[in-house]
Amino acid sequence: MRHPRTAVALTEHKKLLLITVDGRSTQAAGMSANELTRFLLTYFCPQSALNLDGGGSTTMWIASSEQRVGGVVNHPTDNKKFDHAGQRRVTSFIVIKSSENHE
């Protein structure tokens, strides 16, 4: 079944990919687990990948930077609108922080 999805992957060049797929709206159909796998293999050929919890839990939040204002960047579905305000309260999440030493 097609749903919003969340995945992480690591490329052979050690690039970390954080992926969210919107769904449950006329603007975004979501993906099945097989479609997400084919998407990752076709466009990124990762060394490894992990499909995380999806559905209404799928939310990507990015901190502000010089280029953009921070906040939710995908379209979570819990408010039944195609906007950035439908995120669900969750008890688990992944935080990625940049190190100051970029070696």
PDB file of N, CA and C in Angstrom:
ATOM      1  N   MET A   1       0.827  -1.181   0.000  1.00  0.00           N
ATOM      2  CA  MET A   1       0.000   0.000   0.000  1.00  0.00           C
ATOM      3  C   MET A   1       0.872   1.245   0.000  1.00  0.00           C
ATOM      4  N   ARG A   2       0.369   2.272  -0.632  1.00  0.00           N
ATOM      5  CA  ARG A   2       1.089   3.544  -0.687  1.00  0.00           C
ATOM      6  C   ARG A   2       0.769   4.385   0.551  1.00  0.00           C
ATOM      7  N   HIS A   3       1.821   4.868   1.180  1.00  0.00           N
ATOM      8  CA  HIS A   3       1.704   5.700   2.375  1.00  0.00           C
ATOM      9  C   HIS A   3       2.868   6.680   2.390  1.00  0.00           C
ATOM     10  N   PRO A   4       2.808   7.707   3.243  1.00  0.00           N
ATOM     11  CA  PRO A   4       4.011   8.499   3.485  1.00  0.00           C
ATOM     12  C   PRO A   4       5.095   7.558   4.027  1.00  0.00           C
ATOM     13  N   ARG A   5       6.344   7.837   3.691  1.00  0.00           N
ATOM     14  CA  ARG A   5       7.452   6.964   4.109  1.00  0.00           C
ATOM     15  C   ARG A   5       8.613   7.807   4.627  1.00  0.00           C
ATOM     16  N   THR A   6       9.400   7.188   5.507  1.00  0.00           N
ATOM     17  CA  THR A   6      10.634   7.781   6.006  1.00  0.00           C
ATOM     18  C   THR A   6      11.736   6.740   5.862  1.00  0.00           C
ATOM     19  N   ALA A   7      12.884   7.146   5.329  1.00  0.00           N
ATOM     20  CA  ALA A   7      13.996   6.213   5.162  1.00  0.00           C
ATOM     21  C   ALA A   7      15.318   6.945   5.367  1.00  0.00           C
ATOM     22  N   VAL A   8      16.325   6.175   5.742  1.00  0.00           N
ATOM     23  CA  VAL A   8      17.702   6.666   5.786  1.00  0.00           C
ATOM     24  C   VAL A   8      18.534   5.718   4.935  1.00  0.00           C
ATOM     25  N   ALA A   9      19.557   6.254   4.301  1.00  0.00           N
ATOM     26  CA  ALA A   9      20.425   5.422   3.466  1.00  0.00           C
ATOM     27  C   ALA A   9      21.837   5.990   3.512  1.00  0.00           C
ATOM     28  N   LEU A  10      22.795   5.132   3.208  1.00  0.00           N
ATOM     29  CA  LEU A  10      24.197   5.521   3.163  1.00  0.00           C
ATOM     30  C   LEU A  10      24.748   5.128   1.799  1.00  0.00           C
ATOM     31  N   THR A  11      25.299   6.102   1.074  1.00  0.00           N
ATOM     32  CA  THR A  11      25.852   5.815  -0.247  1.00  0.00           C
ATOM     33  C   THR A  11      27.241   5.206  -0.115  1.00  0.00           C
ATOM     34  N   GLU A  12      27.757   4.683  -1.206  1.00  0.00           N
ATOM     35  CA  GLU A  12      29.095   4.089  -1.178  1.00  0.00           C
ATOM     36  C   GLU A  12      30.164   5.144  -0.880  1.00  0.00           C
ATOM     37  N   HIS A  13      29.848   6.431  -1.113  1.00  0.00           N
ATOM     38  CA  HIS A  13      30.783   7.522  -0.820  1.00  0.00           C
ATOM     39  C   HIS A  13      30.537   8.106   0.571  1.00  0.00           C
ATOM     40  N   LYS A  14      29.813   7.351   1.414  1.00  0.00           N
ATOM     41  CA  LYS A  14      29.554   7.718   2.810  1.00  0.00           C
ATOM     42  C   LYS A  14      28.699   8.970   2.962  1.00  0.00           C
ATOM     43  N   LYS A  15      27.823   9.239   2.018  1.00  0.00           N
ATOM     44  CA  LYS A  15      26.857  10.337   2.130  1.00  0.00           C
ATOM     45  C   LYS A  15      25.601   9.788   2.789  1.00  0.00           C
ATOM     46  N   LEU A  16      25.144  10.465   3.826  1.00  0.00           N
ATOM     47  CA  LEU A  16      23.936  10.066   4.531  1.00  0.00           C
ATOM     48  C   LEU A  16      22.729  10.712   3.854  1.00  0.00           C
ATOM     49  N   LEU A  17      21.750   9.907   3.498  1.00  0.00           N
ATOM     50  CA  LEU A  17      20.524  10.396   2.871  1.00  0.00           C
ATOM     51  C   LEU A  17      19.377  10.270   3.860  1.00  0.00           C
ATOM     52  N   LEU A  18      18.623  11.329   4.029  1.00  0.00           N
ATOM     53  CA  LEU A  18      17.410  11.331   4.849  1.00  0.00           C
ATOM     54  C   LEU A  18      16.256  11.585   3.893  1.00  0.00           C
ATOM     55  N   ILE A  19      15.327  10.656   3.814  1.00  0.00           N
ATOM     56  CA  ILE A  19      14.281  10.713   2.788  1.00  0.00           C
ATOM     57  C   ILE A  19      12.913  10.726   3.433  1.00  0.00           C
ATOM     58  N   THR A  20      12.065  11.646   3.019  1.00  0.00           N
ATOM     59  CA  THR A  20      10.654  11.607   3.379  1.00  0.00           C
ATOM     60  C   THR A  20       9.854  11.626   2.087  1.00  0.00           C
ATOM     61  N   VAL A  21       8.801  10.852   2.075  1.00  0.00           N
ATOM     62  CA  VAL A  21       7.894  10.785   0.926  1.00  0.00           C
ATOM     63  C   VAL A  21       6.516  11.194   1.431  1.00  0.00           C
ATOM     64  N   ASP A  22       5.967  12.244   0.870  1.00  0.00           N
ATOM     65  CA  ASP A  22       4.624  12.670   1.244  1.00  0.00           C
ATOM     66  C   ASP A  22       3.585  11.734   0.645  1.00  0.00           C
ATOM     67  N   GLY A  23       2.393  11.723   1.219  1.00  0.00           N
ATOM     68  CA  GLY A  23       1.328  10.873   0.716  1.00  0.00           C
ATOM     69  C   GLY A  23      -0.014  11.244   1.306  1.00  0.00           C
ATOM     70  N   ARG A  24      -1.014  10.415   0.993  1.00  0.00           N
ATOM     71  CA  ARG A  24      -2.380  10.585   1.502  1.00  0.00           C
ATOM     72  C   ARG A  24      -3.030  11.896   1.093  1.00  0.00           C
ATOM     73  N   SER A  25      -2.711  12.370  -0.102  1.00  0.00           N
ATOM     74  CA  SER A  25      -3.350  13.577  -0.629  1.00  0.00           C
ATOM     75  C   SER A  25      -3.388  13.481  -2.149  1.00  0.00           C
ATOM     76  N   THR A  26      -4.167  14.354  -2.766  1.00  0.00           N
ATOM     77  CA  THR A  26      -4.209  14.370  -4.235  1.00  0.00           C
ATOM     78  C   THR A  26      -2.902  14.893  -4.813  1.00  0.00           C
ATOM     79  N   GLN A  27      -2.105  15.646  -4.023  1.00  0.00           N
ATOM     80  CA  GLN A  27      -0.828  16.184  -4.492  1.00  0.00           C
ATOM     81  C   GLN A  27       0.332  15.213  -4.322  1.00  0.00           C
ATOM     82  N   ALA A  28       0.183  14.202  -3.473  1.00  0.00           N
ATOM     83  CA  ALA A  28       1.273  13.250  -3.207  1.00  0.00           C
ATOM     84  C   ALA A  28       0.671  11.888  -2.867  1.00  0.00           C
ATOM     85  N   ALA A  29       0.994  10.889  -3.673  1.00  0.00           N
ATOM     86  CA  ALA A  29       0.374   9.567  -3.529  1.00  0.00           C
ATOM     87  C   ALA A  29       1.067   8.673  -2.518  1.00  0.00           C
ATOM     88  N   GLY A  30       2.261   9.026  -2.065  1.00  0.00           N
ATOM     89  CA  GLY A  30       3.016   8.140  -1.190  1.00  0.00           C
ATOM     90  C   GLY A  30       3.705   7.055  -2.008  1.00  0.00           C
ATOM     91  N   MET A  31       4.308   6.107  -1.332  1.00  0.00           N
ATOM     92  CA  MET A  31       4.981   4.980  -1.985  1.00  0.00           C
ATOM     93  C   MET A  31       4.744   3.716  -1.171  1.00  0.00           C
ATOM     94  N   SER A  32       4.779   2.591  -1.849  1.00  0.00           N
ATOM     95  CA  SER A  32       4.819   1.308  -1.138  1.00  0.00           C
ATOM     96  C   SER A  32       6.270   1.087  -0.715  1.00  0.00           C
ATOM     97  N   ALA A  33       6.501   0.115   0.159  1.00  0.00           N
ATOM     98  CA  ALA A  33       7.874  -0.201   0.563  1.00  0.00           C
ATOM     99  C   ALA A  33       8.693  -0.637  -0.653  1.00  0.00           C
ATOM    100  N   ASN A  34       8.090  -1.393  -1.559  1.00  0.00           N
ATOM    101  CA  ASN A  34       8.804  -1.818  -2.771  1.00  0.00           C
ATOM    102  C   ASN A  34       9.128  -0.630  -3.673  1.00  0.00           C
ATOM    103  N   GLU A  35       8.201   0.315  -3.812  1.00  0.00           N
ATOM    104  CA  GLU A  35       8.475   1.506  -4.624  1.00  0.00           C
ATOM    105  C   GLU A  35       9.607   2.331  -4.025  1.00  0.00           C
ATOM    106  N   LEU A  36       9.622   2.465  -2.706  1.00  0.00           N
ATOM    107  CA  LEU A  36      10.702   3.209  -2.054  1.00  0.00           C
ATOM    108  C   LEU A  36      12.044   2.520  -2.286  1.00  0.00           C
ATOM    109  N   THR A  37      12.064   1.205  -2.185  1.00  0.00           N
ATOM    110  CA  THR A  37      13.294   0.449  -2.448  1.00  0.00           C
ATOM    111  C   THR A  37      13.774   0.675  -3.874  1.00  0.00           C
ATOM    112  N   ARG A  38      12.882   0.578  -4.847  1.00  0.00           N
ATOM    113  CA  ARG A  38      13.263   0.801  -6.261  1.00  0.00           C
ATOM    114  C   ARG A  38      13.739   2.230  -6.486  1.00  0.00           C
ATOM    115  N   PHE A  39      13.091   3.208  -5.859  1.00  0.00           N
ATOM    116  CA  PHE A  39      13.503   4.605  -5.967  1.00  0.00           C
ATOM    117  C   PHE A  39      14.940   4.781  -5.478  1.00  0.00           C
ATOM    118  N   LEU A  40      15.228   4.245  -4.286  1.00  0.00           N
ATOM    119  CA  LEU A  40      16.574   4.361  -3.725  1.00  0.00           C
ATOM    120  C   LEU A  40      17.611   3.684  -4.612  1.00  0.00           C
ATOM    121  N   LEU A  41      17.309   2.493  -5.093  1.00  0.00           N
ATOM    122  CA  LEU A  41      18.253   1.770  -5.950  1.00  0.00           C
ATOM    123  C   LEU A  41      18.469   2.479  -7.280  1.00  0.00           C
ATOM    124  N   THR A  42      17.413   3.017  -7.857  1.00  0.00           N
ATOM    125  CA  THR A  42      17.506   3.691  -9.156  1.00  0.00           C
ATOM    126  C   THR A  42      18.300   4.986  -9.090  1.00  0.00           C
ATOM    127  N   TYR A  43      18.045   5.803  -8.078  1.00  0.00           N
ATOM    128  CA  TYR A  43      18.635   7.141  -8.047  1.00  0.00           C
ATOM    129  C   TYR A  43      19.868   7.283  -7.162  1.00  0.00           C
ATOM    130  N   PHE A  44      20.063   6.387  -6.191  1.00  0.00           N
ATOM    131  CA  PHE A  44      21.162   6.571  -5.243  1.00  0.00           C
ATOM    132  C   PHE A  44      22.057   5.356  -5.072  1.00  0.00           C
ATOM    133  N   CYS A  45      21.606   4.179  -5.427  1.00  0.00           N
ATOM    134  CA  CYS A  45      22.365   2.936  -5.295  1.00  0.00           C
ATOM    135  C   CYS A  45      23.081   2.874  -3.945  1.00  0.00           C
ATOM    136  N   PRO A  46      22.342   2.919  -2.842  1.00  0.00           N
ATOM    137  CA  PRO A  46      22.997   2.987  -1.532  1.00  0.00           C
ATOM    138  C   PRO A  46      23.669   1.685  -1.134  1.00  0.00           C
ATOM    139  N   GLN A  47      24.673   1.811  -0.285  1.00  0.00           N
ATOM    140  CA  GLN A  47      25.331   0.653   0.325  1.00  0.00           C
ATOM    141  C   GLN A  47      24.365  -0.035   1.269  1.00  0.00           C
ATOM    142  N   SER A  48      23.621   0.777   2.019  1.00  0.00           N
ATOM    143  CA  SER A  48      22.627   0.246   2.941  1.00  0.00           C
ATOM    144  C   SER A  48      21.506   1.267   3.082  1.00  0.00           C
ATOM    145  N   ALA A  49      20.332   0.774   3.470  1.00  0.00           N
ATOM    146  CA  ALA A  49      19.178   1.649   3.654  1.00  0.00           C
ATOM    147  C   ALA A  49      18.253   1.021   4.677  1.00  0.00           C
ATOM    148  N   LEU A  50      17.452   1.859   5.313  1.00  0.00           N
ATOM    149  CA  LEU A  50      16.518   1.396   6.322  1.00  0.00           C
ATOM    150  C   LEU A  50      15.212   2.156   6.166  1.00  0.00           C
ATOM    151  N   ASN A  51      14.120   1.421   6.006  1.00  0.00           N
ATOM    152  CA  ASN A  51      12.784   2.007   5.971  1.00  0.00           C
ATOM    153  C   ASN A  51      12.348   2.192   7.424  1.00  0.00           C
ATOM    154  N   LEU A  52      12.092   3.427   7.827  1.00  0.00           N
ATOM    155  CA  LEU A  52      11.685   3.721   9.198  1.00  0.00           C
ATOM    156  C   LEU A  52      10.168   3.802   9.284  1.00  0.00           C
ATOM    157  N   ASP A  53       9.665   4.144  10.444  1.00  0.00           N
ATOM    158  CA  ASP A  53       8.231   4.318  10.620  1.00  0.00           C
ATOM    159  C   ASP A  53       7.730   5.376   9.641  1.00  0.00           C
ATOM    160  N   GLY A  54       6.592   5.147   9.069  1.00  0.00           N
ATOM    161  CA  GLY A  54       6.044   6.091   8.102  1.00  0.00           C
ATOM    162  C   GLY A  54       4.628   6.483   8.462  1.00  0.00           C
ATOM    163  N   GLY A  55       3.816   6.689   7.449  1.00  0.00           N
ATOM    164  CA  GLY A  55       2.443   7.117   7.674  1.00  0.00           C
ATOM    165  C   GLY A  55       2.414   8.508   8.268  1.00  0.00           C
ATOM    166  N   GLY A  56       1.518   8.713   9.217  1.00  0.00           N
ATOM    167  CA  GLY A  56       1.367  10.025   9.831  1.00  0.00           C
ATOM    168  C   GLY A  56       2.571  10.477  10.628  1.00  0.00           C
ATOM    169  N   SER A  57       3.496   9.571  10.931  1.00  0.00           N
ATOM    170  CA  SER A  57       4.718   9.936  11.655  1.00  0.00           C
ATOM    171  C   SER A  57       5.774  10.550  10.747  1.00  0.00           C
ATOM    172  N   THR A  58       5.591  10.480   9.449  1.00  0.00           N
ATOM    173  CA  THR A  58       6.602  10.972   8.512  1.00  0.00           C
ATOM    174  C   THR A  58       6.663  12.498   8.541  1.00  0.00           C
ATOM    175  N   THR A  59       7.721  13.014   9.147  1.00  0.00           N
ATOM    176  CA  THR A  59       7.938  14.461   9.223  1.00  0.00           C
ATOM    177  C   THR A  59       9.430  14.732   9.115  1.00  0.00           C
ATOM    178  N   MET A  60       9.799  15.707   8.287  1.00  0.00           N
ATOM    179  CA  MET A  60      11.199  16.137   8.176  1.00  0.00           C
ATOM    180  C   MET A  60      11.266  17.599   8.612  1.00  0.00           C
ATOM    181  N   TRP A  61      12.042  17.853   9.646  1.00  0.00           N
ATOM    182  CA  TRP A  61      12.253  19.196  10.162  1.00  0.00           C
ATOM    183  C   TRP A  61      13.715  19.536   9.966  1.00  0.00           C
ATOM    184  N   ILE A  62      13.985  20.708   9.400  1.00  0.00           N
ATOM    185  CA  ILE A  62      15.366  21.141   9.168  1.00  0.00           C
ATOM    186  C   ILE A  62      15.562  22.487   9.848  1.00  0.00           C
ATOM    187  N   ALA A  63      16.643  22.604  10.589  1.00  0.00           N
ATOM    188  CA  ALA A  63      16.948  23.852  11.297  1.00  0.00           C
ATOM    189  C   ALA A  63      17.218  24.971  10.303  1.00  0.00           C
ATOM    190  N   SER A  64      17.092  26.180  10.768  1.00  0.00           N
ATOM    191  CA  SER A  64      17.346  27.327   9.894  1.00  0.00           C
ATOM    192  C   SER A  64      18.823  27.409   9.530  1.00  0.00           C
ATOM    193  N   SER A  65      19.073  28.015   8.388  1.00  0.00           N
ATOM    194  CA  SER A  65      20.437  28.244   7.919  1.00  0.00           C
ATOM    195  C   SER A  65      20.457  29.615   7.258  1.00  0.00           C
ATOM    196  N   GLU A  66      21.591  29.991   6.740  1.00  0.00           N
ATOM    197  CA  GLU A  66      21.673  31.281   6.051  1.00  0.00           C
ATOM    198  C   GLU A  66      20.770  31.325   4.825  1.00  0.00           C
ATOM    199  N   GLN A  67      20.514  30.165   4.215  1.00  0.00           N
ATOM    200  CA  GLN A  67      19.732  30.104   2.979  1.00  0.00           C
ATOM    201  C   GLN A  67      18.227  30.011   3.198  1.00  0.00           C
ATOM    202  N   ARG A  68      17.801  29.510   4.360  1.00  0.00           N
ATOM    203  CA  ARG A  68      16.371  29.265   4.515  1.00  0.00           C
ATOM    204  C   ARG A  68      15.942  29.346   5.977  1.00  0.00           C
ATOM    205  N   VAL A  69      14.647  29.541   6.157  1.00  0.00           N
ATOM    206  CA  VAL A  69      14.054  29.537   7.483  1.00  0.00           C
ATOM    207  C   VAL A  69      13.772  28.091   7.863  1.00  0.00           C
ATOM    208  N   GLY A  70      14.046  27.702   9.088  1.00  0.00           N
ATOM    209  CA  GLY A  70      13.871  26.322   9.522  1.00  0.00           C
ATOM    210  C   GLY A  70      12.425  25.943   9.761  1.00  0.00           C
ATOM    211  N   GLY A  71      12.202  24.654   9.860  1.00  0.00           N
ATOM    212  CA  GLY A  71      10.876  24.145  10.161  1.00  0.00           C
ATOM    213  C   GLY A  71      10.588  22.861   9.412  1.00  0.00           C
ATOM    214  N   VAL A  72       9.331  22.473   9.419  1.00  0.00           N
ATOM    215  CA  VAL A  72       8.890  21.263   8.731  1.00  0.00           C
ATOM    216  C   VAL A  72       8.947  21.519   7.225  1.00  0.00           C
ATOM    217  N   VAL A  73       9.590  20.603   6.483  1.00  0.00           N
ATOM    218  CA  VAL A  73       9.778  20.806   5.039  1.00  0.00           C
ATOM    219  C   VAL A  73       8.925  19.873   4.176  1.00  0.00           C
ATOM    220  N   ASN A  74       8.285  18.894   4.804  1.00  0.00           N
ATOM    221  CA  ASN A  74       7.389  18.046   4.018  1.00  0.00           C
ATOM    222  C   ASN A  74       5.943  18.367   4.403  1.00  0.00           C
ATOM    223  N   HIS A  75       5.021  17.515   4.023  1.00  0.00           N
ATOM    224  CA  HIS A  75       3.594  17.765   4.248  1.00  0.00           C
ATOM    225  C   HIS A  75       2.994  16.631   5.094  1.00  0.00           C
ATOM    226  N   PRO A  76       3.179  16.676   6.427  1.00  0.00           N
ATOM    227  CA  PRO A  76       2.614  15.642   7.290  1.00  0.00           C
ATOM    228  C   PRO A  76       1.088  15.603   7.171  1.00  0.00           C
ATOM    229  N   THR A  77       0.492  14.467   7.489  1.00  0.00           N
ATOM    230  CA  THR A  77      -0.908  14.248   7.119  1.00  0.00           C
ATOM    231  C   THR A  77      -1.930  14.284   8.253  1.00  0.00           C
ATOM    232  N   ASP A  78      -1.519  14.467   9.478  1.00  0.00           N
ATOM    233  CA  ASP A  78      -2.484  14.330  10.569  1.00  0.00           C
ATOM    234  C   ASP A  78      -3.574  15.409  10.598  1.00  0.00           C
ATOM    235  N   ASN A  79      -3.365  16.545   9.972  1.00  0.00           N
ATOM    236  CA  ASN A  79      -4.421  17.560   9.949  1.00  0.00           C
ATOM    237  C   ASN A  79      -5.277  17.482   8.685  1.00  0.00           C
ATOM    238  N   LYS A  80      -5.041  16.485   7.845  1.00  0.00           N
ATOM    239  CA  LYS A  80      -5.820  16.251   6.613  1.00  0.00           C
ATOM    240  C   LYS A  80      -5.710  17.393   5.602  1.00  0.00           C
ATOM    241  N   LYS A  81      -4.637  18.186   5.696  1.00  0.00           N
ATOM    242  CA  LYS A  81      -4.382  19.278   4.748  1.00  0.00           C
ATOM    243  C   LYS A  81      -3.000  19.079   4.142  1.00  0.00           C
ATOM    244  N   PHE A  82      -2.783  19.594   2.945  1.00  0.00           N
ATOM    245  CA  PHE A  82      -1.474  19.516   2.306  1.00  0.00           C
ATOM    246  C   PHE A  82      -0.692  20.777   2.686  1.00  0.00           C
ATOM    247  N   ASP A  83      -0.215  20.780   3.934  1.00  0.00           N
ATOM    248  CA  ASP A  83       0.562  21.916   4.427  1.00  0.00           C
ATOM    249  C   ASP A  83       1.660  21.389   5.358  1.00  0.00           C
ATOM    250  N   HIS A  84       2.361  22.283   6.016  1.00  0.00           N
ATOM    251  CA  HIS A  84       3.480  21.888   6.876  1.00  0.00           C
ATOM    252  C   HIS A  84       3.075  21.785   8.352  1.00  0.00           C
ATOM    253  N   ALA A  85       1.793  21.841   8.649  1.00  0.00           N
ATOM    254  CA  ALA A  85       1.345  21.910  10.038  1.00  0.00           C
ATOM    255  C   ALA A  85       0.706  20.622  10.550  1.00  0.00           C
ATOM    256  N   GLY A  86       0.737  19.528   9.804  1.00  0.00           N
ATOM    257  CA  GLY A  86       0.044  18.313  10.214  1.00  0.00           C
ATOM    258  C   GLY A  86       0.888  17.296  10.922  1.00  0.00           C
ATOM    259  N   GLN A  87       1.966  17.727  11.598  1.00  0.00           N
ATOM    260  CA  GLN A  87       2.846  16.749  12.244  1.00  0.00           C
ATOM    261  C   GLN A  87       2.175  16.114  13.456  1.00  0.00           C
ATOM    262  N   ARG A  88       2.582  14.900  13.736  1.00  0.00           N
ATOM    263  CA  ARG A  88       2.069  14.094  14.844  1.00  0.00           C
ATOM    264  C   ARG A  88       3.077  14.144  15.998  1.00  0.00           C
ATOM    265  N   ARG A  89       2.566  14.116  17.210  1.00  0.00           N
ATOM    266  CA  ARG A  89       3.460  13.995  18.372  1.00  0.00           C
ATOM    267  C   ARG A  89       4.046  12.589  18.363  1.00  0.00           C
ATOM    268  N   VAL A  90       5.354  12.504  18.456  1.00  0.00           N
ATOM    269  CA  VAL A  90       6.031  11.208  18.486  1.00  0.00           C
ATOM    270  C   VAL A  90       7.013  11.181  19.658  1.00  0.00           C
ATOM    271  N   THR A  91       7.385   9.994  20.063  1.00  0.00           N
ATOM    272  CA  THR A  91       8.325   9.866  21.179  1.00  0.00           C
ATOM    273  C   THR A  91       9.717   9.466  20.731  1.00  0.00           C
ATOM    274  N   SER A  92       9.890   9.187  19.445  1.00  0.00           N
ATOM    275  CA  SER A  92      11.221   8.836  18.944  1.00  0.00           C
ATOM    276  C   SER A  92      11.504   9.626  17.680  1.00  0.00           C
ATOM    277  N   PHE A  93      12.762   9.967  17.504  1.00  0.00           N
ATOM    278  CA  PHE A  93      13.182  10.757  16.354  1.00  0.00           C
ATOM    279  C   PHE A  93      14.677  10.607  16.162  1.00  0.00           C
ATOM    280  N   ILE A  94      15.155  11.056  15.029  1.00  0.00           N
ATOM    281  CA  ILE A  94      16.586  11.038  14.727  1.00  0.00           C
ATOM    282  C   ILE A  94      17.054  12.482  14.604  1.00  0.00           C
ATOM    283  N   VAL A  95      18.147  12.803  15.263  1.00  0.00           N
ATOM    284  CA  VAL A  95      18.747  14.133  15.188  1.00  0.00           C
ATOM    285  C   VAL A  95      20.119  13.986  14.556  1.00  0.00           C
ATOM    286  N   ILE A  96      20.385  14.793  13.545  1.00  0.00           N
ATOM    287  CA  ILE A  96      21.691  14.819  12.891  1.00  0.00           C
ATOM    288  C   ILE A  96      22.286  16.202  13.126  1.00  0.00           C
ATOM    289  N   LYS A  97      23.463  16.250  13.706  1.00  0.00           N
ATOM    290  CA  LYS A  97      24.138  17.515  13.949  1.00  0.00           C
ATOM    291  C   LYS A  97      25.447  17.532  13.182  1.00  0.00           C
ATOM    292  N   SER A  98      25.750  18.664  12.633  1.00  0.00           N
ATOM    293  CA  SER A  98      27.012  18.856  11.936  1.00  0.00           C
ATOM    294  C   SER A  98      28.121  19.046  12.957  1.00  0.00           C
ATOM    295  N   SER A  99      29.244  18.395  12.716  1.00  0.00           N
ATOM    296  CA  SER A  99      30.373  18.627  13.621  1.00  0.00           C
ATOM    297  C   SER A  99      31.071  19.913  13.199  1.00  0.00           C
ATOM    298  N   GLU A 100      31.739  20.528  14.134  1.00  0.00           N
ATOM    299  CA  GLU A 100      32.481  21.751  13.811  1.00  0.00           C
ATOM    300  C   GLU A 100      33.763  21.438  13.064  1.00  0.00           C
ATOM    301  N   ASN A 101      34.248  20.218  13.194  1.00  0.00           N
ATOM    302  CA  ASN A 101      35.471  19.798  12.521  1.00  0.00           C
ATOM    303  C   ASN A 101      35.065  18.999  11.260  1.00  0.00           C
ATOM    304  N   HIS A 102      35.055  19.627  10.110  1.00  0.00           N
ATOM    305  CA  HIS A 102      34.581  19.013   8.859  1.00  0.00           C
ATOM    306  C   HIS A 102      35.721  18.301   8.128  1.00  0.00           C
ATOM    307  N   GLU A 103      36.258  17.251   8.695  1.00  0.00           N
ATOM    308  CA  GLU A 103      37.372  16.539   8.055  1.00  0.00           C
ATOM    309  C   GLU A 103      36.874  15.546   7.055  1.00  0.00           C
TER     310      GLU A 103
END
